[in-house]
Structures are given as C-alpha cells and as structure tokens.
Amino acid sequence: MSARSTAVQIAAKTGMLVAAVLVFTILLAALPAHRAPGPQAAAQVSTAQAPEADHSSMPGMDMSDEHSNEKAAVHDMTPGHHDAHSQHMTMTSMRAQTPKDVQRAKEIAAQLRAGIEKYRDYHVALNDGFKIFMPNVPQPEYHFTSYRNGFLEAFTFDPARPTSLLYRKTSTGYELVGAMYTMPKRATEEQLNARVPLSVAMWHLHTNLCIPPRAQLRNADWSKFGLKGSIATQDACDAAGGRFRPSIFGWMVHVYPYEDSLDKIFAMHHHMD
C-alpha cells in the first residue's frame, strides 16, 4: 500500500473519530436535566407553593453528588405529607381546558395503558431493563426506571414509552398503578404542554434542595435539610454547611391510566381507596 493511501486512510479514520466525539458531546448536553433551566424557562413556570410529591427516580438528575441527591430526596418521600405546601416544588400553571386537550389526554392514557400492560408482571419490567429505585427504602410508590427511556424522552415523546413505571408494594411483590413521563429541566411550558396538556395535568420540578454536609448524612436534621426542610435558599444552606441544588432531577408528570376519570388519571398522586 502506498504512503499516500495510508495517509488518506488515517485522515479518514481521524475524521470519523472527531465526528463521533462531537455527536457524543451534543447528545450528552441534551441529556435530561444536564443544564439548569434558563431565565426564560424559569419565568414561564409558576413558582407558587404546591403539594410535595413522592418522585425519586429520574435519569435527568445532576451528575454531581448524585447519590446524596437521591438519598436526600427519597428520605422525604413518605406518606402523610402529600397535601402540604412546600417551597421545594415548582409547578406548571393550569390552563383553560379545551375539547382538543381532553381528547389528546384520553389518547395518551389509552396508549400508555396499552404500552405498559405487560408490566403488570413486574418481573417483565426488570427483564426489560427497568431498575427499582432504592427498593429497601419504604416509599408510597416505587419507581422502576428505564434510563434508556429517560434519555429518549429528552428528544421524542412516545406515550407508550414512559421513563418510569409506578408500583405499589404488596405482600407478594409489586402492583402496577401508573407511570411517569419526564423532560429536561430546561424545558419550557410550551414544550411540556406539547406532550401532556397543561389544562389536564401539572408537571412539577423539585427545587431548592439543601443536602446535608457529607459528614452529617447519617444523622442529618431533616427538619432543616431535604425536600421538606426549612432551608430553601443558597445563603441559608451555605450557613448550615450544606450543598445547595437549585433543582434536581427534571420535569415530571405522573399518569395513572387505570383510573376512571381524567382528574384521577393525571393526578399528582395515586388515589388509594
């Protein structure tokens, strides 16, 4: 082989490698919650106090202090506080409902119901790559999360392909009750509305989390730290020696497709009789 041909082949391979790195970098930047929402996105969402939620598994969380974020979040996801107002939640504003929105919401629920039917057997979900988030921590609902689905939801929306499946623990295993869709933190209300109508459902984002100092994680004062703690500002968190996160995870919305009315199907929490 001539030196010229060898040089051409090396150049071609180098170009392909550079292109691959560039594509990977672009995809990484687009991962859910890889960046904090910009000023425009923040201005478009309602920052009024809203009910605390019990979401714990999001592939779109910040990569730094990942495990601390997860543990601090799950620590607060206990029953009995779902109706309490919180300064740690940002909600989308409800819009005026239209017949078109209602029809689209019904179609989403129907497609989701069909898409997750096979996961009534939670073993099938596990075999398909869904991971139980912190199974040893008591939770009202357990999130079985597909990080592949969460990645794909940053770009496309398929109602039959949720990021997480929601299960209620039973004496014999897990009972499927719903699912969760996600979007990156930087998503605007218009982008959220394009997926699940804001006249039917409220998307939410966990905000203002103060993580306890690493040395205090085991014995932290959770009346101050975490998603129900009193600390909700950077200054107060710094003074307590904690690590402040303006937001964690990404935008989320729960859907309970086995319920009999839209207000229950797109409720923040599962209606348990």
C-alpha atoms as a PDB file:
ATOM      1  CA  MET A   1       0.000   0.000   0.000  1.00  0.00           C
ATOM      2  CA  SER A   2       1.389   3.429  -0.912  1.00  0.00           C
ATOM      3  CA  ALA A   3       2.234   6.050   1.686  1.00  0.00           C
ATOM      4  CA  ARG A   4      -0.389   8.293   0.116  1.00  0.00           C
ATOM      5  CA  SER A   5      -3.147   5.692   0.546  1.00  0.00           C
ATOM      6  CA  THR A   6      -2.101   5.053   4.122  1.00  0.00           C
ATOM      7  CA  ALA A   7      -2.193   8.758   4.892  1.00  0.00           C
ATOM      8  CA  VAL A   8      -5.672   9.088   3.374  1.00  0.00           C
ATOM      9  CA  GLN A   9      -6.987   6.174   5.452  1.00  0.00           C
ATOM     10  CA  ILE A  10      -5.522   7.613   8.652  1.00  0.00           C
ATOM     11  CA  ALA A  11      -7.046  11.005   7.905  1.00  0.00           C
ATOM     12  CA  ALA A  12     -10.439   9.424   7.213  1.00  0.00           C
ATOM     13  CA  LYS A  13     -10.379   7.446  10.448  1.00  0.00           C
ATOM     14  CA  THR A  14      -9.321  10.525  12.398  1.00  0.00           C
ATOM     15  CA  GLY A  15     -12.190  12.490  10.897  1.00  0.00           C
ATOM     16  CA  MET A  16     -14.695   9.791  11.838  1.00  0.00           C
ATOM     17  CA  LEU A  17     -13.373   9.731  15.418  1.00  0.00           C
ATOM     18  CA  VAL A  18     -13.665  13.513  15.740  1.00  0.00           C
ATOM     19  CA  ALA A  19     -17.211  13.390  14.356  1.00  0.00           C
ATOM     20  CA  ALA A  20     -18.169  10.634  16.798  1.00  0.00           C
ATOM     21  CA  VAL A  21     -16.822  12.643  19.741  1.00  0.00           C
ATOM     22  CA  LEU A  22     -18.740  15.717  18.553  1.00  0.00           C
ATOM     23  CA  VAL A  23     -22.006  13.770  18.277  1.00  0.00           C
ATOM     24  CA  PHE A  24     -21.489  12.241  21.736  1.00  0.00           C
ATOM     25  CA  THR A  25     -20.837  15.701  23.204  1.00  0.00           C
ATOM     26  CA  ILE A  26     -24.037  17.066  21.667  1.00  0.00           C
ATOM     27  CA  LEU A  27     -26.069  14.131  22.974  1.00  0.00           C
ATOM     28  CA  LEU A  28     -24.572  14.494  26.451  1.00  0.00           C
ATOM     29  CA  ALA A  29     -25.503  18.173  26.524  1.00  0.00           C
ATOM     30  CA  ALA A  30     -29.058  17.237  25.635  1.00  0.00           C
ATOM     31  CA  LEU A  31     -29.477  14.697  28.406  1.00  0.00           C
ATOM     32  CA  PRO A  32     -32.449  15.445  30.701  1.00  0.00           C
ATOM     33  CA  ALA A  33     -31.560  17.975  33.393  1.00  0.00           C
ATOM     34  CA  HIS A  34     -27.979  18.278  32.184  1.00  0.00           C
ATOM     35  CA  ARG A  35     -28.356  22.042  32.438  1.00  0.00           C
ATOM     36  CA  ALA A  36     -30.367  24.216  34.758  1.00  0.00           C
ATOM     37  CA  PRO A  37     -33.407  25.975  33.220  1.00  0.00           C
ATOM     38  CA  GLY A  38     -32.624  29.331  31.722  1.00  0.00           C
ATOM     39  CA  PRO A  39     -34.234  32.609  32.826  1.00  0.00           C
ATOM     40  CA  GLN A  40     -36.919  32.356  30.149  1.00  0.00           C
ATOM     41  CA  ALA A  41     -37.947  28.866  31.221  1.00  0.00           C
ATOM     42  CA  ALA A  42     -37.941  29.878  34.873  1.00  0.00           C
ATOM     43  CA  ALA A  43     -40.160  32.838  34.144  1.00  0.00           C
ATOM     44  CA  GLN A  44     -42.657  30.664  32.322  1.00  0.00           C
ATOM     45  CA  VAL A  45     -43.450  28.392  35.230  1.00  0.00           C
ATOM     46  CA  SER A  46     -45.443  29.106  38.343  1.00  0.00           C
ATOM     47  CA  THR A  47     -43.308  29.276  41.479  1.00  0.00           C
ATOM     48  CA  ALA A  48     -46.291  29.306  43.800  1.00  0.00           C
ATOM     49  CA  GLN A  49     -46.097  26.847  46.654  1.00  0.00           C
ATOM     50  CA  ALA A  50     -47.502  23.486  45.678  1.00  0.00           C
ATOM     51  CA  PRO A  51     -48.058  19.994  47.099  1.00  0.00           C
ATOM     52  CA  GLU A  52     -44.993  17.942  47.946  1.00  0.00           C
ATOM     53  CA  ALA A  53     -44.507  14.956  45.696  1.00  0.00           C
ATOM     54  CA  ASP A  54     -43.081  11.494  46.010  1.00  0.00           C
ATOM     55  CA  HIS A  55     -40.852  11.092  42.981  1.00  0.00           C
ATOM     56  CA  SER A  56     -37.469   9.567  43.364  1.00  0.00           C
ATOM     57  CA  SER A  57     -36.094   8.095  40.201  1.00  0.00           C
ATOM     58  CA  MET A  58     -35.054  10.409  37.478  1.00  0.00           C
ATOM     59  CA  PRO A  59     -32.267   9.769  34.998  1.00  0.00           C
ATOM     60  CA  GLY A  60     -32.103  13.521  34.453  1.00  0.00           C
ATOM     61  CA  MET A  61     -30.588  14.411  37.784  1.00  0.00           C
ATOM     62  CA  ASP A  62     -27.378  16.424  38.100  1.00  0.00           C
ATOM     63  CA  MET A  63     -24.346  14.160  37.973  1.00  0.00           C
ATOM     64  CA  SER A  64     -22.540  15.835  40.894  1.00  0.00           C
ATOM     65  CA  ASP A  65     -23.401  14.389  44.322  1.00  0.00           C
ATOM     66  CA  GLU A  66     -25.828  12.043  42.574  1.00  0.00           C
ATOM     67  CA  HIS A  67     -26.223   9.615  45.459  1.00  0.00           C
ATOM     68  CA  SER A  68     -26.573  12.391  48.028  1.00  0.00           C
ATOM     69  CA  ASN A  69     -29.295  13.979  45.934  1.00  0.00           C
ATOM     70  CA  GLU A  70     -31.147  10.683  45.616  1.00  0.00           C
ATOM     71  CA  LYS A  71     -30.983   9.841  49.309  1.00  0.00           C
ATOM     72  CA  ALA A  72     -31.990  13.335  50.374  1.00  0.00           C
ATOM     73  CA  ALA A  73     -34.950  13.219  48.011  1.00  0.00           C
ATOM     74  CA  VAL A  74     -36.177   9.763  48.947  1.00  0.00           C
ATOM     75  CA  HIS A  75     -35.806  10.472  52.669  1.00  0.00           C
ATOM     76  CA  ASP A  76     -38.688  12.936  52.370  1.00  0.00           C
ATOM     77  CA  MET A  77     -40.962  10.815  50.201  1.00  0.00           C
ATOM     78  CA  THR A  78     -43.130   9.475  52.960  1.00  0.00           C
ATOM     79  CA  PRO A  79     -46.918   9.242  53.273  1.00  0.00           C
ATOM     80  CA  GLY A  80     -48.893  11.907  55.041  1.00  0.00           C
ATOM     81  CA  HIS A  81     -47.275  14.986  53.523  1.00  0.00           C
ATOM     82  CA  HIS A  82     -48.677  14.966  50.018  1.00  0.00           C
ATOM     83  CA  ASP A  83     -51.043  17.838  50.646  1.00  0.00           C
ATOM     84  CA  ALA A  84     -48.566  20.006  52.497  1.00  0.00           C
ATOM     85  CA  HIS A  85     -47.462  23.176  50.742  1.00  0.00           C
ATOM     86  CA  SER A  86     -43.756  23.366  50.031  1.00  0.00           C
ATOM     87  CA  GLN A  87     -41.135  25.829  48.954  1.00  0.00           C
ATOM     88  CA  HIS A  88     -39.276  22.975  47.315  1.00  0.00           C
ATOM     89  CA  MET A  89     -41.578  22.499  44.343  1.00  0.00           C
ATOM     90  CA  THR A  90     -42.157  24.373  41.092  1.00  0.00           C
ATOM     91  CA  MET A  91     -45.394  23.584  39.282  1.00  0.00           C
ATOM     92  CA  THR A  92     -46.665  24.454  35.846  1.00  0.00           C
ATOM     93  CA  SER A  93     -49.714  26.710  35.708  1.00  0.00           C
ATOM     94  CA  MET A  94     -53.045  25.129  34.881  1.00  0.00           C
ATOM     95  CA  ARG A  95     -54.574  26.337  31.615  1.00  0.00           C
ATOM     96  CA  ALA A  96     -58.142  26.588  30.423  1.00  0.00           C
ATOM     97  CA  GLN A  97     -59.303  23.170  29.289  1.00  0.00           C
ATOM     98  CA  THR A  98     -60.305  22.624  25.670  1.00  0.00           C
ATOM     99  CA  PRO A  99     -62.034  19.674  23.954  1.00  0.00           C
ATOM    100  CA  LYS A 100     -58.860  19.126  21.956  1.00  0.00           C
ATOM    101  CA  ASP A 101     -56.795  18.837  25.143  1.00  0.00           C
ATOM    102  CA  VAL A 102     -59.271  16.394  26.659  1.00  0.00           C
ATOM    103  CA  GLN A 103     -59.171  14.219  23.557  1.00  0.00           C
ATOM    104  CA  ARG A 104     -55.391  14.252  23.467  1.00  0.00           C
ATOM    105  CA  ALA A 105     -55.199  13.392  27.171  1.00  0.00           C
ATOM    106  CA  LYS A 106     -57.516  10.428  26.665  1.00  0.00           C
ATOM    107  CA  GLU A 107     -55.380   9.225  23.758  1.00  0.00           C
ATOM    108  CA  ILE A 108     -52.215   9.482  25.872  1.00  0.00           C
ATOM    109  CA  ALA A 109     -53.815   7.470  28.672  1.00  0.00           C
ATOM    110  CA  ALA A 110     -55.037   4.804  26.236  1.00  0.00           C
ATOM    111  CA  GLN A 111     -51.641   4.464  24.549  1.00  0.00           C
ATOM    112  CA  LEU A 112     -49.877   4.325  27.899  1.00  0.00           C
ATOM    113  CA  ARG A 113     -52.274   1.687  29.206  1.00  0.00           C
ATOM    114  CA  ALA A 114     -51.628  -0.494  26.168  1.00  0.00           C
ATOM    115  CA  GLY A 115     -47.885   0.091  26.269  1.00  0.00           C
ATOM    116  CA  ILE A 116     -47.363  -0.876  29.904  1.00  0.00           C
ATOM    117  CA  GLU A 117     -49.913  -3.678  30.169  1.00  0.00           C
ATOM    118  CA  LYS A 118     -47.186  -6.317  30.003  1.00  0.00           C
ATOM    119  CA  TYR A 119     -45.511  -4.734  33.009  1.00  0.00           C
ATOM    120  CA  ARG A 120     -48.316  -5.711  35.354  1.00  0.00           C
ATOM    121  CA  ASP A 121     -45.868  -8.525  35.992  1.00  0.00           C
ATOM    122  CA  TYR A 122     -43.006  -6.522  37.464  1.00  0.00           C
ATOM    123  CA  HIS A 123     -40.559  -9.276  36.553  1.00  0.00           C
ATOM    124  CA  VAL A 124     -41.120  -8.364  32.895  1.00  0.00           C
ATOM    125  CA  ALA A 125     -40.169  -4.768  33.682  1.00  0.00           C
ATOM    126  CA  LEU A 126     -36.970  -5.908  35.353  1.00  0.00           C
ATOM    127  CA  ASN A 127     -36.139  -8.131  32.400  1.00  0.00           C
ATOM    128  CA  ASP A 128     -36.693  -5.179  30.060  1.00  0.00           C
ATOM    129  CA  GLY A 129     -34.118  -3.097  31.904  1.00  0.00           C
ATOM    130  CA  PHE A 130     -36.235  -1.140  34.380  1.00  0.00           C
ATOM    131  CA  LYS A 131     -34.369  -0.607  37.654  1.00  0.00           C
ATOM    132  CA  ILE A 132     -36.074  -0.346  41.062  1.00  0.00           C
ATOM    133  CA  PHE A 133     -35.047   2.893  42.666  1.00  0.00           C
ATOM    134  CA  MET A 134     -33.978   2.330  46.288  1.00  0.00           C
ATOM    135  CA  PRO A 135     -36.106  -0.791  46.861  1.00  0.00           C
ATOM    136  CA  ASN A 136     -35.096  -1.012  50.534  1.00  0.00           C
ATOM    137  CA  VAL A 137     -36.388   2.459  51.382  1.00  0.00           C
ATOM    138  CA  PRO A 138     -40.142   2.493  52.282  1.00  0.00           C
ATOM    139  CA  GLN A 139     -41.995   4.584  49.700  1.00  0.00           C
ATOM    140  CA  PRO A 140     -45.691   5.155  48.830  1.00  0.00           C
ATOM    141  CA  GLU A 141     -44.801   4.309  45.221  1.00  0.00           C
ATOM    142  CA  TYR A 142     -41.732   2.618  43.859  1.00  0.00           C
ATOM    143  CA  HIS A 143     -40.232   3.896  40.636  1.00  0.00           C
ATOM    144  CA  PHE A 144     -38.961   1.308  38.192  1.00  0.00           C
ATOM    145  CA  THR A 145     -36.915   3.482  35.860  1.00  0.00           C
ATOM    146  CA  SER A 146     -35.627   2.887  32.361  1.00  0.00           C
ATOM    147  CA  TYR A 147     -32.663   5.191  31.895  1.00  0.00           C
ATOM    148  CA  ARG A 148     -32.775   4.443  28.187  1.00  0.00           C
ATOM    149  CA  ASN A 149     -36.363   5.683  28.019  1.00  0.00           C
ATOM    150  CA  GLY A 150     -35.436   8.753  30.050  1.00  0.00           C
ATOM    151  CA  PHE A 151     -32.695   9.563  27.568  1.00  0.00           C
ATOM    152  CA  LEU A 152     -35.047   9.137  24.611  1.00  0.00           C
ATOM    153  CA  GLU A 153     -37.701  11.343  26.229  1.00  0.00           C
ATOM    154  CA  ALA A 154     -35.276  14.251  26.065  1.00  0.00           C
ATOM    155  CA  PHE A 155     -35.769  14.172  22.295  1.00  0.00           C
ATOM    156  CA  THR A 156     -39.024  12.414  21.411  1.00  0.00           C
ATOM    157  CA  PHE A 157     -42.316  11.558  23.077  1.00  0.00           C
ATOM    158  CA  ASP A 158     -43.998   8.190  22.845  1.00  0.00           C
ATOM    159  CA  PRO A 159     -46.958   7.870  25.254  1.00  0.00           C
ATOM    160  CA  ALA A 160     -46.418   4.100  25.378  1.00  0.00           C
ATOM    161  CA  ARG A 161     -42.778   4.538  26.482  1.00  0.00           C
ATOM    162  CA  PRO A 162     -42.640   6.212  29.921  1.00  0.00           C
ATOM    163  CA  THR A 163     -39.417   6.890  31.767  1.00  0.00           C
ATOM    164  CA  SER A 164     -40.639   5.187  34.929  1.00  0.00           C
ATOM    165  CA  LEU A 165     -43.263   2.667  35.962  1.00  0.00           C
ATOM    166  CA  LEU A 166     -45.017   3.288  39.273  1.00  0.00           C
ATOM    167  CA  TYR A 167     -45.672   0.331  41.540  1.00  0.00           C
ATOM    168  CA  ARG A 168     -47.278  -0.072  44.935  1.00  0.00           C
ATOM    169  CA  LYS A 169     -45.636  -2.683  47.138  1.00  0.00           C
ATOM    170  CA  THR A 170     -47.770  -5.676  48.096  1.00  0.00           C
ATOM    171  CA  SER A 171     -47.278  -8.767  50.246  1.00  0.00           C
ATOM    172  CA  THR A 172     -46.343 -10.750  47.151  1.00  0.00           C
ATOM    173  CA  GLY A 173     -44.373  -8.214  45.127  1.00  0.00           C
ATOM    174  CA  TYR A 174     -45.412  -5.053  43.305  1.00  0.00           C
ATOM    175  CA  GLU A 175     -48.691  -3.840  41.799  1.00  0.00           C
ATOM    176  CA  LEU A 176     -48.511  -1.592  38.730  1.00  0.00           C
ATOM    177  CA  VAL A 177     -50.515   1.608  39.256  1.00  0.00           C
ATOM    178  CA  GLY A 178     -49.118   4.103  36.783  1.00  0.00           C
ATOM    179  CA  ALA A 179     -46.152   5.642  35.017  1.00  0.00           C
ATOM    180  CA  MET A 180     -44.114   8.808  34.827  1.00  0.00           C
ATOM    181  CA  TYR A 181     -43.020  10.935  31.878  1.00  0.00           C
ATOM    182  CA  THR A 182     -40.023  13.234  32.083  1.00  0.00           C
ATOM    183  CA  MET A 183     -38.432  16.170  30.314  1.00  0.00           C
ATOM    184  CA  PRO A 184     -35.192  18.099  30.849  1.00  0.00           C
ATOM    185  CA  LYS A 185     -35.127  20.863  33.449  1.00  0.00           C
ATOM    186  CA  ARG A 186     -34.626  23.444  30.733  1.00  0.00           C
ATOM    187  CA  ALA A 187     -37.923  22.574  29.008  1.00  0.00           C
ATOM    188  CA  THR A 188     -40.416  25.438  28.670  1.00  0.00           C
ATOM    189  CA  GLU A 189     -44.109  25.281  29.491  1.00  0.00           C
ATOM    190  CA  GLU A 190     -44.898  25.197  25.784  1.00  0.00           C
ATOM    191  CA  GLN A 191     -42.721  22.120  25.344  1.00  0.00           C
ATOM    192  CA  LEU A 192     -44.318  20.435  28.343  1.00  0.00           C
ATOM    193  CA  ASN A 193     -47.787  21.312  27.074  1.00  0.00           C
ATOM    194  CA  ALA A 194     -46.964  19.817  23.678  1.00  0.00           C
ATOM    195  CA  ARG A 195     -46.527  16.458  25.392  1.00  0.00           C
ATOM    196  CA  VAL A 196     -49.166  16.378  28.101  1.00  0.00           C
ATOM    197  CA  PRO A 197     -51.719  19.243  28.075  1.00  0.00           C
ATOM    198  CA  LEU A 198     -51.279  21.697  30.935  1.00  0.00           C
ATOM    199  CA  SER A 199     -55.044  22.072  31.136  1.00  0.00           C
ATOM    200  CA  VAL A 200     -55.236  18.451  32.268  1.00  0.00           C
ATOM    201  CA  ALA A 201     -52.000  17.762  34.143  1.00  0.00           C
ATOM    202  CA  MET A 202     -49.477  19.704  36.191  1.00  0.00           C
ATOM    203  CA  TRP A 203     -45.805  18.997  35.560  1.00  0.00           C
ATOM    204  CA  HIS A 204     -43.544  19.565  38.541  1.00  0.00           C
ATOM    205  CA  LEU A 205     -39.882  20.154  39.321  1.00  0.00           C
ATOM    206  CA  HIS A 206     -38.144  19.589  42.669  1.00  0.00           C
ATOM    207  CA  THR A 207     -36.278  22.735  43.688  1.00  0.00           C
ATOM    208  CA  ASN A 208     -34.210  24.411  46.406  1.00  0.00           C
ATOM    209  CA  LEU A 209     -32.652  21.299  47.906  1.00  0.00           C
ATOM    210  CA  CYS A 210     -30.047  21.694  50.633  1.00  0.00           C
ATOM    211  CA  ILE A 211     -28.057  18.483  51.032  1.00  0.00           C
ATOM    212  CA  PRO A 212     -26.549  17.970  54.495  1.00  0.00           C
ATOM    213  CA  PRO A 213     -22.770  18.078  54.898  1.00  0.00           C
ATOM    214  CA  ARG A 214     -21.263  14.737  53.913  1.00  0.00           C
ATOM    215  CA  ALA A 215     -20.199  14.022  57.468  1.00  0.00           C
ATOM    216  CA  GLN A 216     -23.794  14.501  58.694  1.00  0.00           C
ATOM    217  CA  LEU A 217     -25.661  12.459  56.101  1.00  0.00           C
ATOM    218  CA  ARG A 218     -26.378   9.590  58.500  1.00  0.00           C
ATOM    219  CA  ASN A 219     -27.634  11.817  61.326  1.00  0.00           C
ATOM    220  CA  ALA A 220     -28.859  14.878  59.459  1.00  0.00           C
ATOM    221  CA  ASP A 221     -31.550  17.145  60.844  1.00  0.00           C
ATOM    222  CA  TRP A 222     -34.226  16.569  58.191  1.00  0.00           C
ATOM    223  CA  SER A 223     -36.358  19.382  59.578  1.00  0.00           C
ATOM    224  CA  LYS A 224     -33.726  21.675  58.025  1.00  0.00           C
ATOM    225  CA  PHE A 225     -32.345  19.659  55.113  1.00  0.00           C
ATOM    226  CA  GLY A 226     -34.005  17.832  52.251  1.00  0.00           C
ATOM    227  CA  LEU A 227     -37.148  18.416  50.227  1.00  0.00           C
ATOM    228  CA  LYS A 228     -39.301  19.195  53.265  1.00  0.00           C
ATOM    229  CA  GLY A 229     -36.621  21.012  55.227  1.00  0.00           C
ATOM    230  CA  SER A 230     -36.809  24.644  56.264  1.00  0.00           C
ATOM    231  CA  ILE A 231     -33.695  25.573  54.294  1.00  0.00           C
ATOM    232  CA  ALA A 232     -34.622  26.743  50.819  1.00  0.00           C
ATOM    233  CA  THR A 233     -32.015  29.338  49.849  1.00  0.00           C
ATOM    234  CA  GLN A 234     -28.359  29.283  48.876  1.00  0.00           C
ATOM    235  CA  ASP A 235     -27.360  31.589  51.769  1.00  0.00           C
ATOM    236  CA  ALA A 236     -29.145  29.525  54.414  1.00  0.00           C
ATOM    237  CA  CYS A 237     -27.675  26.313  53.017  1.00  0.00           C
ATOM    238  CA  ASP A 238     -24.164  27.778  52.984  1.00  0.00           C
ATOM    239  CA  ALA A 239     -24.587  28.901  56.587  1.00  0.00           C
ATOM    240  CA  ALA A 240     -25.591  25.358  57.578  1.00  0.00           C
ATOM    241  CA  GLY A 241     -22.584  23.908  55.781  1.00  0.00           C
ATOM    242  CA  GLY A 242     -24.760  22.129  53.247  1.00  0.00           C
ATOM    243  CA  ARG A 243     -24.649  21.787  49.483  1.00  0.00           C
ATOM    244  CA  PHE A 244     -27.368  23.696  47.644  1.00  0.00           C
ATOM    245  CA  ARG A 245     -29.055  22.482  44.467  1.00  0.00           C
ATOM    246  CA  PRO A 246     -31.463  24.947  42.772  1.00  0.00           C
ATOM    247  CA  SER A 247     -33.215  21.964  41.211  1.00  0.00           C
ATOM    248  CA  ILE A 248     -32.761  18.208  40.996  1.00  0.00           C
ATOM    249  CA  PHE A 249     -33.990  15.611  38.540  1.00  0.00           C
ATOM    250  CA  GLY A 250     -36.010  17.017  35.640  1.00  0.00           C
ATOM    251  CA  TRP A 251     -39.644  17.862  34.898  1.00  0.00           C
ATOM    252  CA  MET A 252     -42.016  15.037  35.812  1.00  0.00           C
ATOM    253  CA  VAL A 253     -45.672  14.172  35.428  1.00  0.00           C
ATOM    254  CA  HIS A 254     -47.465  11.120  36.799  1.00  0.00           C
ATOM    255  CA  VAL A 255     -50.176   9.276  34.900  1.00  0.00           C
ATOM    256  CA  TYR A 256     -52.445   6.599  36.372  1.00  0.00           C
ATOM    257  CA  PRO A 257     -54.112   5.121  33.268  1.00  0.00           C
ATOM    258  CA  TYR A 258     -56.180   2.525  35.135  1.00  0.00           C
ATOM    259  CA  GLU A 259     -58.285   5.190  36.871  1.00  0.00           C
ATOM    260  CA  ASP A 260     -61.763   6.078  35.612  1.00  0.00           C
ATOM    261  CA  SER A 261     -61.583   9.864  35.209  1.00  0.00           C
ATOM    262  CA  LEU A 262     -59.057  12.357  33.845  1.00  0.00           C
ATOM    263  CA  ASP A 263     -58.640  14.128  37.172  1.00  0.00           C
ATOM    264  CA  LYS A 264     -57.532  10.823  38.731  1.00  0.00           C
ATOM    265  CA  ILE A 265     -55.556   9.663  35.712  1.00  0.00           C
ATOM    266  CA  PHE A 266     -53.434  12.828  35.705  1.00  0.00           C
ATOM    267  CA  ALA A 267     -53.331  13.348  39.462  1.00  0.00           C
ATOM    268  CA  MET A 268     -50.150  14.172  41.363  1.00  0.00           C
ATOM    269  CA  HIS A 269     -50.577  11.023  43.422  1.00  0.00           C
ATOM    270  CA  HIS A 270     -52.434   7.794  43.105  1.00  0.00           C
ATOM    271  CA  HIS A 271     -55.953   7.771  44.561  1.00  0.00           C
ATOM    272  CA  MET A 272     -55.956   4.899  47.000  1.00  0.00           C
ATOM    273  CA  ASP A 273     -59.375   3.843  48.267  1.00  0.00           C
END
